[in-house]
Structures are given as C-alpha cells and as structure tokens.
C-alpha cells in the first residue's frame, strides 16, 4: 500500500527541510498541505511543476485558533489528514544563556517547537482514528543527544519534549493503527544554519560535517528519505522511535 492520494500536512514547508519533505512525499503521490507563516509559492510551484498535488495554507503554528482553523480548512479542501509532519521550528539564533533569557523568549521557543506539535496532533487524530490509519512524525534534533555550545538550552528542552510527546502518543494510538515517530536531524544545509559572515556563510555547517562519522554534508533530501520510510506501509511496526539522520554525530 502506497501513500498515493493520502493527505499530508507538512508544517514549515516553505523552505529547507520542510520543503524537501513536501517534495518527496508529493513525488510518491501524496496530496500536500504546505503550512507556513510565510509565502510558500516556490514549494507549490516545485511540486505542481513536477506533476504533484499541493496547496499552500498560511498559519502561525504556535497559535491554537490558527491551527484549529487551518486544519479545518485543509480537511474541507483536501480531506482528512492521514500524514502529519510537524517540522516547523525555531533555531536558537542568536544563542542565549538561560541566565540572560527572558521568559517570553523561552515561551516563544516552546510554543513554536513543541506546543505546535501538540496542537496539530490533537487536531488531526480524530480523522486518523476514523480511517484507522495514520502517520505522525514530530521533529526533534540531534542536539538532544550531543554536547553543543552554550546558548541553546531552550531549544534542546523543546526538542527533548518532542521525543517525549512522540513516545507517549505512540502508546495512545497503537490500537488505532497510527504510528508516531520522531526524526532527529543533525546540522542540515539550509538557510537557517548560515552565518552572517559573507566570506564564510557555511562555517557552522562545515564544522558540523567534519565532526560526523560520515563526513558528507546533510541535505534536506537525506531527511526526506527517513520521513518517506516512516510514512510507508513497510514501517507499520515502527512506532515510538527516534530516527537520527546526522552522519553519525550522535550515538544513541
């Protein structure tokens, strides 16, 4: 059984990892709801230009009313969500020590990187239960299991929360034939990891790549392969797991 015709919501899919996932799932026949707070026309054009099906939806994933509204809109226009990819997130940029961090900065990270997963998952689960089939993927990060420079504690906490949510939800939904997993990327070649140094914008990426066991730059397409597997019928017994795609930079 393929994902042909299945409705997939991908958050944060206007660019980067989310766009790579949306393009991959669309190439496999899924109907993609591209959700982002910014214009996602390039993602839509890429998918439809290749013969796939996709529609863009604007929403702030950290706001309950907007998530509820956008999921209802998606269901009305495309049908109930069968594949939920919670990819949207903030990066700790600039890095900030906890002792220097405002409560609002902490809360903003939690709202976007963790609360959004709760909101989308809660909204789509009823439809998945009716179909007795579903795939949920909550994005974590390799930083949860790695030693990283100071200034990212709030980010690490949110991404660790994503793992806890994944494992708890997997237990709740097993009887409904719904799998719940997490993908934990390392440092990926996206605009979000580029520095402000015009002479060496990829310094962080290259340093991270050198620290990997396999010293190849990680691209969004590498992450999309893992997501593709987890959404497949072949992965029907894989649930509550964290799949690292980080070139071997962590050992878990």
Foldseek 3Di string as FASTA:
>chain_A
DFQALAEEEFEPCLFFLSLLLQQLNQVRHYAYEYEYQDDNVVSCCSSVVVVGHYDYDHAQLLDLVRLLVRQVVCCVPRNAHAEYELDWADALVPFDAPVRDDPVVLVVRLSGQAVSLVSNCVNRVVVLLVVLHHEYEREAAPVLQADDDHRGPSNNVSRVNSLVVQLVVQVVCVVSLYAGEYEHEYDAPTQNQFDPDPVCRCPVQQVQLVLAPHNDHHYSNQSSVVVSVRRGPVVSVDHSYYHYDYNHNGDD
